[in-house]
Every structure is written in C-alpha cells, then in structure tokens.
Amino acid sequence: MSDAATQYAIRLNRTRRMVAVALQAGDMFCLRFHYTDSKQQESIRIVSPMRFDGQHHFLGLCMGREEVRKFDLARIEHIAMVLSADVMAGEPVQEIPRGTLPLQKPSL
C-alpha cells in the first residue's frame, strides 16, 4: 500500500471512529468538519449524527441546513467533536471558496 493510500485509510478510519463515538454519546456531542459535496463545493458543517448508513456513510442532522443529510466519510476532513450545548440549529453553513481551506478552525 502506498503512503497516500495508507494516509487515506487512516483518515477514513479516524473519521468513522469519531462518528461512532459521537453516536454512542447520544445527544452530548455534534461533529464539526470540512465537507466536500458531490458538486465539489467545500463547506464547514456541524452535524448531529443519527446512524451509520452502510460502511462509508452516515445520516445526521445538519445544523446549518436544519435537515437530515447523508454524509460520505471519504469527503470529510478536519473532524472534531463539539459539545451539543454549544451548538445552535440554524447557524448558516460556512461555505469555503473552492480549493481553499481556512488556516484556523472557526470559532463556534
């Protein structure tokens, strides 16, 4: 396995574990991550995970969109857990200009 493939597998497994931990904690945690959608639009999402949908996807309530969405684990980067008590539904999704990522994590 090449270094790039190894790093990809490590990132995917770490993301899957973070989602699993958030699911086990119930409503205590949400996940904040950079997400690239199917149209290659990058955004920062805050999501309350609901359940896995197969091996590589999960369903979660996107707090910015205020809708249940399906997320592909392979399209997630920079994932972190945040306390649900610190999250407000309806905060707009932070769109990121294509090909750029913020240098600092956004404050909640």
C-alpha atoms as a PDB file:
ATOM      1  CA  MET A   1       0.000   0.000   0.000  1.00  0.00           C
ATOM      2  CA  SER A   2       1.400   3.417  -0.954  1.00  0.00           C
ATOM      3  CA  ASP A   3       1.891   6.208   1.584  1.00  0.00           C
ATOM      4  CA  ALA A   4      -1.050   8.146   0.111  1.00  0.00           C
ATOM      5  CA  ALA A   5      -3.327   5.107   0.321  1.00  0.00           C
ATOM      6  CA  THR A   6      -2.189   4.435   3.887  1.00  0.00           C
ATOM      7  CA  GLN A   7      -2.881   8.035   4.911  1.00  0.00           C
ATOM      8  CA  TYR A   8      -6.312   7.888   3.257  1.00  0.00           C
ATOM      9  CA  ALA A   9      -7.185   4.670   5.117  1.00  0.00           C
ATOM     10  CA  ILE A  10      -6.017   6.161   8.424  1.00  0.00           C
ATOM     11  CA  ARG A  11      -8.111   9.307   7.878  1.00  0.00           C
ATOM     12  CA  LEU A  12     -11.186   7.289   6.882  1.00  0.00           C
ATOM     13  CA  ASN A  13     -10.874   5.020   9.942  1.00  0.00           C
ATOM     14  CA  ARG A  14     -10.358   8.015  12.253  1.00  0.00           C
ATOM     15  CA  THR A  15     -13.455   9.699  10.829  1.00  0.00           C
ATOM     16  CA  ARG A  16     -15.509   6.514  11.222  1.00  0.00           C
ATOM     17  CA  ARG A  17     -14.360   6.184  14.872  1.00  0.00           C
ATOM     18  CA  MET A  18     -15.244   9.820  15.629  1.00  0.00           C
ATOM     19  CA  VAL A  19     -18.752   9.334  14.232  1.00  0.00           C
ATOM     20  CA  ALA A  20     -19.140   6.114  16.252  1.00  0.00           C
ATOM     21  CA  VAL A  21     -18.065   7.839  19.483  1.00  0.00           C
ATOM     22  CA  ALA A  22     -20.471  10.721  18.877  1.00  0.00           C
ATOM     23  CA  LEU A  23     -23.282   8.227  18.189  1.00  0.00           C
ATOM     24  CA  GLN A  24     -22.553   6.308  21.401  1.00  0.00           C
ATOM     25  CA  ALA A  25     -22.578   9.535  23.427  1.00  0.00           C
ATOM     26  CA  GLY A  26     -26.168  10.224  22.390  1.00  0.00           C
ATOM     27  CA  ASP A  27     -27.032  13.901  22.164  1.00  0.00           C
ATOM     28  CA  MET A  28     -23.943  15.055  24.079  1.00  0.00           C
ATOM     29  CA  PHE A  29     -21.753  15.770  21.022  1.00  0.00           C
ATOM     30  CA  CYS A  30     -22.023  17.100  17.497  1.00  0.00           C
ATOM     31  CA  LEU A  31     -19.338  16.849  14.856  1.00  0.00           C
ATOM     32  CA  ARG A  32     -17.709  19.805  13.104  1.00  0.00           C
ATOM     33  CA  PHE A  33     -15.886  19.066   9.865  1.00  0.00           C
ATOM     34  CA  HIS A  34     -14.899  20.308   6.438  1.00  0.00           C
ATOM     35  CA  TYR A  35     -17.092  18.626   3.840  1.00  0.00           C
ATOM     36  CA  THR A  36     -16.788  18.443   0.060  1.00  0.00           C
ATOM     37  CA  ASP A  37     -20.164  17.714  -1.526  1.00  0.00           C
ATOM     38  CA  SER A  38     -20.835  15.897  -4.803  1.00  0.00           C
ATOM     39  CA  LYS A  39     -20.521  19.203  -6.698  1.00  0.00           C
ATOM     40  CA  GLN A  40     -17.051  19.752  -5.168  1.00  0.00           C
ATOM     41  CA  GLN A  41     -18.324  22.659  -3.024  1.00  0.00           C
ATOM     42  CA  GLU A  42     -16.433  22.823   0.263  1.00  0.00           C
ATOM     43  CA  SER A  43     -18.099  23.879   3.491  1.00  0.00           C
ATOM     44  CA  ILE A  44     -17.783  23.627   7.236  1.00  0.00           C
ATOM     45  CA  ARG A  45     -20.629  21.593   8.700  1.00  0.00           C
ATOM     46  CA  ILE A  46     -21.861  20.999  12.202  1.00  0.00           C
ATOM     47  CA  VAL A  47     -23.811  17.748  12.326  1.00  0.00           C
ATOM     48  CA  SER A  48     -25.600  15.726  14.970  1.00  0.00           C
ATOM     49  CA  PRO A  49     -25.037  12.132  13.803  1.00  0.00           C
ATOM     50  CA  MET A  50     -28.037   9.787  13.808  1.00  0.00           C
ATOM     51  CA  ARG A  51     -26.830   6.431  12.460  1.00  0.00           C
ATOM     52  CA  PHE A  52     -24.474   4.764  10.021  1.00  0.00           C
ATOM     53  CA  ASP A  53     -25.894   4.067   6.574  1.00  0.00           C
ATOM     54  CA  GLY A  54     -23.612   1.331   5.316  1.00  0.00           C
ATOM     55  CA  GLN A  55     -19.871   1.194   5.842  1.00  0.00           C
ATOM     56  CA  HIS A  56     -18.926   4.545   4.284  1.00  0.00           C
ATOM     57  CA  HIS A  57     -21.883   6.853   5.031  1.00  0.00           C
ATOM     58  CA  PHE A  58     -23.840   8.187   7.963  1.00  0.00           C
ATOM     59  CA  LEU A  59     -27.066  10.108   8.406  1.00  0.00           C
ATOM     60  CA  GLY A  60     -27.037  13.213  10.530  1.00  0.00           C
ATOM     61  CA  LEU A  61     -28.931  16.396  11.245  1.00  0.00           C
ATOM     62  CA  CYS A  62     -27.012  19.222   9.558  1.00  0.00           C
ATOM     63  CA  MET A  63     -27.434  22.099  11.970  1.00  0.00           C
ATOM     64  CA  GLY A  64     -26.919  24.755   9.298  1.00  0.00           C
ATOM     65  CA  ARG A  65     -29.333  23.274   6.783  1.00  0.00           C
ATOM     66  CA  GLU A  66     -31.736  22.103   9.511  1.00  0.00           C
ATOM     67  CA  GLU A  67     -32.251  18.879   7.545  1.00  0.00           C
ATOM     68  CA  VAL A  68     -31.214  15.271   7.782  1.00  0.00           C
ATOM     69  CA  ARG A  69     -28.414  14.663   5.307  1.00  0.00           C
ATOM     70  CA  LYS A  70     -26.336  11.684   4.206  1.00  0.00           C
ATOM     71  CA  PHE A  71     -22.580  12.200   4.573  1.00  0.00           C
ATOM     72  CA  ASP A  72     -19.826  10.272   2.810  1.00  0.00           C
ATOM     73  CA  LEU A  73     -16.981   9.568   5.244  1.00  0.00           C
ATOM     74  CA  ALA A  74     -14.424   9.915   2.428  1.00  0.00           C
ATOM     75  CA  ARG A  75     -15.473  13.551   1.848  1.00  0.00           C
ATOM     76  CA  ILE A  76     -14.869  14.622   5.453  1.00  0.00           C
ATOM     77  CA  GLU A  77     -11.685  16.312   6.664  1.00  0.00           C
ATOM     78  CA  HIS A  78     -10.625  18.083   9.854  1.00  0.00           C
ATOM     79  CA  ILE A  79     -13.274  16.404  12.009  1.00  0.00           C
ATOM     80  CA  ALA A  80     -13.726  17.400  15.651  1.00  0.00           C
ATOM     81  CA  MET A  81     -16.293  16.764  18.358  1.00  0.00           C
ATOM     82  CA  VAL A  82     -18.064  19.754  19.909  1.00  0.00           C
ATOM     83  CA  LEU A  83     -20.480  19.880  22.811  1.00  0.00           C
ATOM     84  CA  SER A  84     -24.054  19.921  21.580  1.00  0.00           C
ATOM     85  CA  ALA A  85     -24.873  22.546  24.205  1.00  0.00           C
ATOM     86  CA  ASP A  86     -22.534  24.947  22.356  1.00  0.00           C
ATOM     87  CA  VAL A  87     -24.307  24.496  19.007  1.00  0.00           C
ATOM     88  CA  MET A  88     -27.362  26.380  17.777  1.00  0.00           C
ATOM     89  CA  ALA A  89     -29.521  24.993  14.980  1.00  0.00           C
ATOM     90  CA  GLY A  90     -29.969  27.321  12.059  1.00  0.00           C
ATOM     91  CA  GLU A  91     -26.464  28.770  12.106  1.00  0.00           C
ATOM     92  CA  PRO A  92     -25.608  29.107   8.428  1.00  0.00           C
ATOM     93  CA  VAL A  93     -23.290  26.606   6.788  1.00  0.00           C
ATOM     94  CA  GLN A  94     -19.943  28.270   6.201  1.00  0.00           C
ATOM     95  CA  GLU A  95     -19.168  27.905   2.500  1.00  0.00           C
ATOM     96  CA  ILE A  96     -15.482  27.768   1.578  1.00  0.00           C
ATOM     97  CA  PRO A  97     -14.270  29.113  -1.784  1.00  0.00           C
ATOM     98  CA  ARG A  98     -13.296  26.172  -3.971  1.00  0.00           C
ATOM     99  CA  GLY A  99      -9.745  24.953  -3.387  1.00  0.00           C
ATOM    100  CA  THR A 100      -9.155  26.855  -0.153  1.00  0.00           C
ATOM    101  CA  LEU A 101      -9.437  25.930   3.493  1.00  0.00           C
ATOM    102  CA  PRO A 102      -9.318  28.307   6.447  1.00  0.00           C
ATOM    103  CA  LEU A 103      -5.992  28.368   8.248  1.00  0.00           C
ATOM    104  CA  GLN A 104      -7.692  28.424  11.631  1.00  0.00           C
ATOM    105  CA  LYS A 105     -10.628  26.477  12.933  1.00  0.00           C
ATOM    106  CA  PRO A 106     -13.732  28.657  13.072  1.00  0.00           C
ATOM    107  CA  SER A 107     -14.979  29.635  16.497  1.00  0.00           C
ATOM    108  CA  LEU A 108     -18.432  28.471  17.468  1.00  0.00           C
END
